[in-house]
Amino acid sequence: MAKEFFSSSQQQQIIAAIKDAELNTSGEIQVHIERTCKGEVLDRAADLFATLKMHKTALRNGVLFYLAFESHQFAILGDKGINQKVPPGFWDDIKEHMAVLFRQGKFTEGLEEGIRMAGQELKVHFPRQKDDINELPDDISFGKN
């Protein structure tokens, strides 16, 4: 099962990184983990983006971190609002940074650092407002496979 890839404490570290990254932004970050990815990784991430209703945020500033560990594939997908603001290659830079850690077997650290990097950019373009609400859950979602 995908949920067993990370220990309970590792899952808590990732969730803490999400909460930390969202502390100063109205942006929303979600993580989805599954064992395998059938088909194109960006297509799968886009399907999950819709399934998780990430496109429903008020400012369209959601970011999905998707990892299929047995397939050795992952993607970062930002919604329209954030994609209009970040510089070209921004997601690729984060992905490359994470890939270095993933190749060392440091999946928790890779996700934590990628999430924090995305959070910094979200903070710049979508600072937290007084009336901000957490629009999406911070928990990790897991595939059935």
N, C-alpha and C. Protein backbone atom coordinates (compact mmCIF):
# COMPACT_ATOMS: atom_id res chain seq x y z
N MET A 1 0.84 -1.20 0.00
CA MET A 1 0.00 0.00 0.00
C MET A 1 0.88 1.25 0.00
N ALA A 2 0.41 2.26 -0.68
CA ALA A 2 1.16 3.51 -0.80
C ALA A 2 1.37 4.18 0.56
N LYS A 3 0.41 4.04 1.45
CA LYS A 3 0.48 4.71 2.75
C LYS A 3 1.67 4.21 3.57
N GLU A 4 2.12 3.01 3.30
CA GLU A 4 3.21 2.42 4.07
C GLU A 4 4.60 2.85 3.58
N PHE A 5 4.66 3.58 2.48
CA PHE A 5 5.96 4.03 1.97
C PHE A 5 6.64 4.98 2.95
N PHE A 6 5.85 5.82 3.59
CA PHE A 6 6.35 6.75 4.61
C PHE A 6 5.89 6.28 5.98
N SER A 7 6.79 6.33 6.96
CA SER A 7 6.40 6.01 8.33
C SER A 7 5.45 7.09 8.83
N SER A 8 4.82 6.82 9.94
CA SER A 8 3.91 7.80 10.54
C SER A 8 4.63 9.11 10.85
N SER A 9 5.85 9.02 11.38
CA SER A 9 6.58 10.25 11.71
C SER A 9 7.00 10.99 10.43
N GLN A 10 7.34 10.26 9.37
CA GLN A 10 7.68 10.91 8.11
C GLN A 10 6.46 11.62 7.53
N GLN A 11 5.30 10.97 7.63
CA GLN A 11 4.06 11.60 7.16
C GLN A 11 3.81 12.90 7.93
N GLN A 12 4.04 12.86 9.24
CA GLN A 12 3.84 14.06 10.06
C GLN A 12 4.82 15.17 9.67
N GLN A 13 6.05 14.80 9.30
CA GLN A 13 7.03 15.80 8.84
C GLN A 13 6.55 16.48 7.56
N ILE A 14 6.01 15.71 6.65
CA ILE A 14 5.51 16.25 5.38
C ILE A 14 4.31 17.16 5.63
N ILE A 15 3.40 16.72 6.48
CA ILE A 15 2.21 17.52 6.82
C ILE A 15 2.65 18.82 7.51
N ALA A 16 3.65 18.73 8.38
CA ALA A 16 4.17 19.93 9.05
C ALA A 16 4.75 20.91 8.03
N ALA A 17 5.43 20.39 7.00
CA ALA A 17 5.98 21.24 5.95
C ALA A 17 4.85 21.95 5.19
N ILE A 18 3.75 21.24 4.93
CA ILE A 18 2.59 21.84 4.26
C ILE A 18 2.03 22.97 5.12
N LYS A 19 1.79 22.68 6.40
CA LYS A 19 1.24 23.69 7.31
C LYS A 19 2.17 24.89 7.41
N ASP A 20 3.45 24.62 7.49
CA ASP A 20 4.47 25.67 7.56
C ASP A 20 4.44 26.55 6.31
N ALA A 21 4.40 25.90 5.15
CA ALA A 21 4.42 26.63 3.88
C ALA A 21 3.16 27.46 3.70
N GLU A 22 2.04 26.99 4.23
CA GLU A 22 0.77 27.70 4.07
C GLU A 22 0.56 28.77 5.13
N LEU A 23 1.45 28.85 6.10
CA LEU A 23 1.30 29.78 7.21
C LEU A 23 1.21 31.24 6.78
N ASN A 24 1.96 31.62 5.77
CA ASN A 24 2.02 33.02 5.34
C ASN A 24 1.47 33.26 3.95
N THR A 25 0.62 32.35 3.49
CA THR A 25 0.07 32.48 2.14
C THR A 25 -1.38 32.00 2.11
N SER A 26 -2.12 32.49 1.14
CA SER A 26 -3.46 31.96 0.91
C SER A 26 -3.39 30.76 -0.03
N GLY A 27 -2.19 30.47 -0.54
CA GLY A 27 -2.00 29.32 -1.43
C GLY A 27 -2.26 28.01 -0.71
N GLU A 28 -2.57 27.00 -1.48
CA GLU A 28 -2.88 25.67 -0.95
C GLU A 28 -1.96 24.63 -1.56
N ILE A 29 -1.39 23.78 -0.71
CA ILE A 29 -0.48 22.74 -1.16
C ILE A 29 -1.03 21.39 -0.75
N GLN A 30 -1.02 20.45 -1.67
CA GLN A 30 -1.42 19.09 -1.36
C GLN A 30 -0.37 18.12 -1.89
N VAL A 31 -0.29 16.97 -1.23
CA VAL A 31 0.63 15.90 -1.61
C VAL A 31 -0.18 14.63 -1.84
N HIS A 32 0.08 13.97 -2.95
CA HIS A 32 -0.56 12.69 -3.24
C HIS A 32 0.53 11.67 -3.55
N ILE A 33 0.45 10.52 -2.89
CA ILE A 33 1.44 9.45 -3.03
C ILE A 33 0.74 8.18 -3.52
N GLU A 34 1.34 7.52 -4.50
CA GLU A 34 0.88 6.19 -4.88
C GLU A 34 2.07 5.37 -5.36
N ARG A 35 1.85 4.09 -5.43
CA ARG A 35 2.95 3.20 -5.79
C ARG A 35 3.35 3.36 -7.24
N THR A 36 2.37 3.30 -8.14
CA THR A 36 2.68 3.31 -9.56
C THR A 36 1.86 4.36 -10.30
N CYS A 37 2.41 4.78 -11.39
CA CYS A 37 1.73 5.73 -12.28
C CYS A 37 1.57 5.05 -13.63
N LYS A 38 0.34 4.84 -14.00
CA LYS A 38 0.09 4.27 -15.33
C LYS A 38 -0.16 5.44 -16.27
N GLY A 39 0.59 5.47 -17.36
CA GLY A 39 0.44 6.57 -18.31
C GLY A 39 1.40 7.70 -18.00
N GLU A 40 1.13 8.84 -18.60
CA GLU A 40 1.97 10.04 -18.48
C GLU A 40 1.79 10.67 -17.11
N VAL A 41 2.91 10.98 -16.45
CA VAL A 41 2.89 11.48 -15.08
C VAL A 41 2.13 12.81 -14.95
N LEU A 42 2.28 13.72 -15.90
CA LEU A 42 1.57 14.99 -15.82
C LEU A 42 0.06 14.81 -16.04
N ASP A 43 -0.32 13.84 -16.87
CA ASP A 43 -1.74 13.56 -17.06
C ASP A 43 -2.34 13.01 -15.76
N ARG A 44 -1.61 12.12 -15.12
CA ARG A 44 -2.09 11.56 -13.85
C ARG A 44 -2.20 12.66 -12.79
N ALA A 45 -1.19 13.53 -12.71
CA ALA A 45 -1.22 14.63 -11.75
C ALA A 45 -2.41 15.55 -12.04
N ALA A 46 -2.68 15.82 -13.31
CA ALA A 46 -3.82 16.68 -13.67
C ALA A 46 -5.14 16.04 -13.28
N ASP A 47 -5.25 14.72 -13.48
CA ASP A 47 -6.47 14.00 -13.05
C ASP A 47 -6.66 14.13 -11.54
N LEU A 48 -5.58 13.93 -10.80
CA LEU A 48 -5.66 14.03 -9.34
C LEU A 48 -5.97 15.46 -8.89
N PHE A 49 -5.43 16.43 -9.59
CA PHE A 49 -5.68 17.84 -9.29
C PHE A 49 -7.19 18.09 -9.32
N ALA A 50 -7.84 17.55 -10.35
CA ALA A 50 -9.29 17.69 -10.47
C ALA A 50 -10.03 16.88 -9.41
N THR A 51 -9.60 15.63 -9.21
CA THR A 51 -10.25 14.76 -8.22
C THR A 51 -10.18 15.37 -6.82
N LEU A 52 -9.05 15.98 -6.49
CA LEU A 52 -8.86 16.60 -5.17
C LEU A 52 -9.50 18.00 -5.10
N LYS A 53 -10.13 18.41 -6.20
CA LYS A 53 -10.82 19.71 -6.29
C LYS A 53 -9.89 20.90 -6.02
N MET A 54 -8.65 20.75 -6.45
CA MET A 54 -7.67 21.81 -6.21
C MET A 54 -7.93 23.04 -7.06
N HIS A 55 -8.65 22.88 -8.15
CA HIS A 55 -8.99 24.00 -9.02
C HIS A 55 -10.12 24.85 -8.45
N LYS A 56 -10.65 24.46 -7.31
CA LYS A 56 -11.77 25.19 -6.70
C LYS A 56 -11.33 26.26 -5.71
N THR A 57 -10.02 26.48 -5.53
CA THR A 57 -9.58 27.52 -4.61
C THR A 57 -9.95 28.88 -5.20
N ALA A 58 -10.26 29.83 -4.33
CA ALA A 58 -10.74 31.14 -4.75
C ALA A 58 -9.77 31.84 -5.70
N LEU A 59 -8.47 31.76 -5.42
CA LEU A 59 -7.47 32.46 -6.22
C LEU A 59 -6.75 31.56 -7.22
N ARG A 60 -7.22 30.31 -7.33
CA ARG A 60 -6.61 29.34 -8.25
C ARG A 60 -5.11 29.22 -7.99
N ASN A 61 -4.76 29.08 -6.70
CA ASN A 61 -3.36 29.06 -6.30
C ASN A 61 -2.97 27.78 -5.56
N GLY A 62 -3.53 26.67 -6.01
CA GLY A 62 -3.18 25.38 -5.44
C GLY A 62 -1.97 24.78 -6.13
N VAL A 63 -1.21 23.98 -5.37
CA VAL A 63 -0.03 23.29 -5.91
C VAL A 63 -0.09 21.83 -5.45
N LEU A 64 0.02 20.92 -6.41
CA LEU A 64 0.01 19.48 -6.11
C LEU A 64 1.41 18.91 -6.29
N PHE A 65 1.87 18.19 -5.28
CA PHE A 65 3.08 17.39 -5.36
C PHE A 65 2.64 15.95 -5.49
N TYR A 66 2.97 15.32 -6.61
CA TYR A 66 2.55 13.96 -6.89
C TYR A 66 3.78 13.05 -6.97
N LEU A 67 3.73 11.93 -6.26
CA LEU A 67 4.84 10.98 -6.27
C LEU A 67 4.32 9.56 -6.47
N ALA A 68 4.84 8.89 -7.49
CA ALA A 68 4.58 7.46 -7.71
C ALA A 68 5.92 6.76 -7.51
N PHE A 69 6.17 6.28 -6.30
CA PHE A 69 7.51 5.85 -5.92
C PHE A 69 8.02 4.60 -6.64
N GLU A 70 7.19 3.61 -6.90
CA GLU A 70 7.68 2.42 -7.60
C GLU A 70 7.93 2.70 -9.07
N SER A 71 7.22 3.65 -9.62
CA SER A 71 7.41 4.04 -11.03
C SER A 71 8.54 5.05 -11.20
N HIS A 72 9.08 5.53 -10.07
CA HIS A 72 10.14 6.54 -10.09
C HIS A 72 9.71 7.78 -10.89
N GLN A 73 8.48 8.23 -10.62
CA GLN A 73 7.95 9.40 -11.30
C GLN A 73 7.35 10.36 -10.28
N PHE A 74 7.51 11.64 -10.55
CA PHE A 74 6.83 12.63 -9.74
C PHE A 74 6.61 13.89 -10.54
N ALA A 75 5.66 14.68 -10.09
CA ALA A 75 5.32 15.92 -10.79
C ALA A 75 4.89 16.97 -9.78
N ILE A 76 5.06 18.20 -10.18
CA ILE A 76 4.55 19.33 -9.42
C ILE A 76 3.63 20.08 -10.37
N LEU A 77 2.41 20.29 -9.93
CA LEU A 77 1.42 20.93 -10.79
C LEU A 77 0.82 22.12 -10.06
N GLY A 78 0.97 23.30 -10.63
CA GLY A 78 0.39 24.50 -10.07
C GLY A 78 -0.85 24.90 -10.84
N ASP A 79 -1.79 25.54 -10.15
CA ASP A 79 -3.01 26.00 -10.79
C ASP A 79 -2.75 27.28 -11.58
N LYS A 80 -3.74 27.70 -12.32
CA LYS A 80 -3.66 28.86 -13.22
C LYS A 80 -3.16 30.12 -12.51
N GLY A 81 -3.68 30.40 -11.33
CA GLY A 81 -3.32 31.63 -10.63
C GLY A 81 -1.85 31.72 -10.31
N ILE A 82 -1.28 30.67 -9.79
CA ILE A 82 0.15 30.68 -9.43
C ILE A 82 1.02 30.56 -10.69
N ASN A 83 0.57 29.79 -11.68
CA ASN A 83 1.36 29.63 -12.90
C ASN A 83 1.51 30.94 -13.67
N GLN A 84 0.55 31.84 -13.52
CA GLN A 84 0.65 33.15 -14.18
C GLN A 84 1.66 34.05 -13.49
N LYS A 85 2.07 33.71 -12.26
CA LYS A 85 2.94 34.58 -11.48
C LYS A 85 4.39 34.11 -11.41
N VAL A 86 4.61 32.81 -11.40
CA VAL A 86 5.97 32.31 -11.21
C VAL A 86 6.79 32.46 -12.49
N PRO A 87 8.12 32.61 -12.33
CA PRO A 87 8.97 32.73 -13.52
C PRO A 87 9.03 31.42 -14.30
N PRO A 88 9.33 31.50 -15.59
CA PRO A 88 9.47 30.27 -16.39
C PRO A 88 10.50 29.33 -15.76
N GLY A 89 10.19 28.06 -15.76
CA GLY A 89 11.11 27.06 -15.22
C GLY A 89 11.07 26.92 -13.72
N PHE A 90 10.20 27.66 -13.05
CA PHE A 90 10.15 27.63 -11.59
C PHE A 90 9.88 26.22 -11.05
N TRP A 91 8.85 25.58 -11.58
CA TRP A 91 8.52 24.23 -11.09
C TRP A 91 9.62 23.24 -11.44
N ASP A 92 10.24 23.41 -12.59
CA ASP A 92 11.35 22.52 -12.98
C ASP A 92 12.53 22.66 -12.02
N ASP A 93 12.81 23.90 -11.57
CA ASP A 93 13.90 24.11 -10.61
C ASP A 93 13.62 23.37 -9.31
N ILE A 94 12.40 23.45 -8.82
CA ILE A 94 12.04 22.74 -7.59
C ILE A 94 12.14 21.24 -7.83
N LYS A 95 11.64 20.80 -8.96
CA LYS A 95 11.65 19.37 -9.27
C LYS A 95 13.08 18.83 -9.33
N GLU A 96 13.99 19.59 -9.94
CA GLU A 96 15.39 19.16 -10.02
C GLU A 96 16.02 19.06 -8.63
N HIS A 97 15.70 20.04 -7.78
CA HIS A 97 16.21 20.03 -6.41
C HIS A 97 15.71 18.79 -5.66
N MET A 98 14.43 18.51 -5.81
CA MET A 98 13.84 17.33 -5.17
C MET A 98 14.44 16.04 -5.72
N ALA A 99 14.67 15.99 -7.02
CA ALA A 99 15.19 14.77 -7.65
C ALA A 99 16.55 14.39 -7.09
N VAL A 100 17.37 15.38 -6.79
CA VAL A 100 18.69 15.10 -6.19
C VAL A 100 18.50 14.35 -4.87
N LEU A 101 17.58 14.83 -4.04
CA LEU A 101 17.32 14.18 -2.75
C LEU A 101 16.67 12.82 -2.94
N PHE A 102 15.74 12.72 -3.88
CA PHE A 102 15.08 11.43 -4.14
C PHE A 102 16.10 10.38 -4.56
N ARG A 103 17.05 10.76 -5.40
CA ARG A 103 18.08 9.80 -5.85
C ARG A 103 18.93 9.29 -4.69
N GLN A 104 19.00 10.08 -3.62
CA GLN A 104 19.73 9.67 -2.41
C GLN A 104 18.83 8.89 -1.45
N GLY A 105 17.58 8.64 -1.87
CA GLY A 105 16.64 7.93 -1.02
C GLY A 105 15.99 8.81 0.03
N LYS A 106 16.17 10.10 -0.09
CA LYS A 106 15.64 11.05 0.90
C LYS A 106 14.30 11.62 0.41
N PHE A 107 13.28 10.77 0.43
CA PHE A 107 11.98 11.17 -0.11
C PHE A 107 11.27 12.17 0.81
N THR A 108 11.34 11.96 2.09
CA THR A 108 10.70 12.88 3.03
C THR A 108 11.33 14.26 2.91
N GLU A 109 12.65 14.31 2.93
CA GLU A 109 13.36 15.57 2.83
C GLU A 109 13.11 16.26 1.50
N GLY A 110 13.06 15.48 0.43
CA GLY A 110 12.80 16.04 -0.89
C GLY A 110 11.43 16.71 -0.95
N LEU A 111 10.42 16.02 -0.42
CA LEU A 111 9.09 16.61 -0.39
C LEU A 111 9.05 17.85 0.50
N GLU A 112 9.65 17.74 1.68
CA GLU A 112 9.66 18.89 2.60
C GLU A 112 10.28 20.12 1.94
N GLU A 113 11.43 19.95 1.33
CA GLU A 113 12.12 21.08 0.72
C GLU A 113 11.35 21.64 -0.47
N GLY A 114 10.79 20.76 -1.30
CA GLY A 114 9.99 21.22 -2.43
C GLY A 114 8.77 22.00 -1.97
N ILE A 115 8.12 21.50 -0.96
CA ILE A 115 6.93 22.16 -0.40
C ILE A 115 7.31 23.54 0.13
N ARG A 116 8.40 23.61 0.86
CA ARG A 116 8.83 24.90 1.42
C ARG A 116 9.21 25.90 0.32
N MET A 117 9.86 25.41 -0.73
CA MET A 117 10.23 26.28 -1.85
C MET A 117 8.96 26.84 -2.53
N ALA A 118 7.98 25.98 -2.73
CA ALA A 118 6.72 26.42 -3.33
C ALA A 118 6.03 27.42 -2.40
N GLY A 119 6.07 27.15 -1.10
CA GLY A 119 5.44 28.03 -0.12
C GLY A 119 6.04 29.43 -0.13
N GLN A 120 7.36 29.52 -0.33
CA GLN A 120 8.01 30.82 -0.38
C GLN A 120 7.50 31.64 -1.56
N GLU A 121 7.34 30.99 -2.69
CA GLU A 121 6.85 31.69 -3.88
C GLU A 121 5.38 32.05 -3.73
N LEU A 122 4.60 31.15 -3.16
CA LEU A 122 3.19 31.45 -2.92
C LEU A 122 3.05 32.66 -1.99
N LYS A 123 3.91 32.74 -0.99
CA LYS A 123 3.88 33.85 -0.04
C LYS A 123 4.11 35.18 -0.74
N VAL A 124 5.01 35.20 -1.72
CA VAL A 124 5.32 36.42 -2.46
C VAL A 124 4.09 36.90 -3.25
N HIS A 125 3.46 35.98 -3.95
CA HIS A 125 2.37 36.34 -4.87
C HIS A 125 0.99 36.29 -4.24
N PHE A 126 0.84 35.50 -3.20
CA PHE A 126 -0.46 35.34 -2.55
C PHE A 126 -0.29 35.40 -1.03
N PRO A 127 0.06 36.58 -0.50
CA PRO A 127 0.25 36.67 0.95
C PRO A 127 -1.05 36.33 1.70
N ARG A 128 -0.87 35.82 2.89
CA ARG A 128 -2.02 35.45 3.72
C ARG A 128 -2.84 36.70 4.04
N GLN A 129 -4.15 36.56 3.96
CA GLN A 129 -5.08 37.65 4.28
C GLN A 129 -5.68 37.40 5.66
N LYS A 130 -6.18 38.46 6.27
CA LYS A 130 -6.78 38.33 7.61
C LYS A 130 -7.93 37.33 7.63
N ASP A 131 -8.69 37.29 6.55
CA ASP A 131 -9.86 36.41 6.49
C ASP A 131 -9.55 35.07 5.80
N ASP A 132 -8.27 34.74 5.68
CA ASP A 132 -7.87 33.53 4.98
C ASP A 132 -8.40 32.28 5.69
N ILE A 133 -8.88 31.35 4.89
CA ILE A 133 -9.30 30.05 5.42
C ILE A 133 -8.50 28.97 4.69
N ASN A 134 -8.33 27.85 5.36
CA ASN A 134 -7.65 26.71 4.75
C ASN A 134 -8.67 26.03 3.84
N GLU A 135 -8.53 26.21 2.53
CA GLU A 135 -9.53 25.72 1.59
C GLU A 135 -9.43 24.23 1.29
N LEU A 136 -8.23 23.67 1.49
CA LEU A 136 -8.03 22.26 1.18
C LEU A 136 -7.33 21.58 2.36
N PRO A 137 -7.59 20.28 2.55
CA PRO A 137 -6.95 19.58 3.67
C PRO A 137 -5.43 19.53 3.52
N ASP A 138 -4.73 19.53 4.65
CA ASP A 138 -3.27 19.46 4.65
C ASP A 138 -2.76 18.02 4.68
N ASP A 139 -3.65 17.08 4.94
CA ASP A 139 -3.25 15.67 5.00
C ASP A 139 -2.77 15.18 3.65
N ILE A 140 -1.90 14.18 3.69
CA ILE A 140 -1.43 13.53 2.47
C ILE A 140 -2.55 12.62 1.96
N SER A 141 -2.78 12.61 0.66
CA SER A 141 -3.72 11.63 0.11
C SER A 141 -2.91 10.50 -0.53
N PHE A 142 -3.46 9.32 -0.47
CA PHE A 142 -2.75 8.14 -0.96
C PHE A 142 -3.60 7.40 -1.98
N GLY A 143 -2.92 6.88 -3.02
CA GLY A 143 -3.61 6.06 -4.01
C GLY A 143 -3.92 4.69 -3.43
N LYS A 144 -4.84 4.01 -4.04
CA LYS A 144 -5.24 2.67 -3.55
C LYS A 144 -4.19 1.61 -3.88
N ASN A 145 -3.36 1.90 -4.89
CA ASN A 145 -2.37 0.89 -5.29
C ASN A 145 -1.11 1.00 -4.47
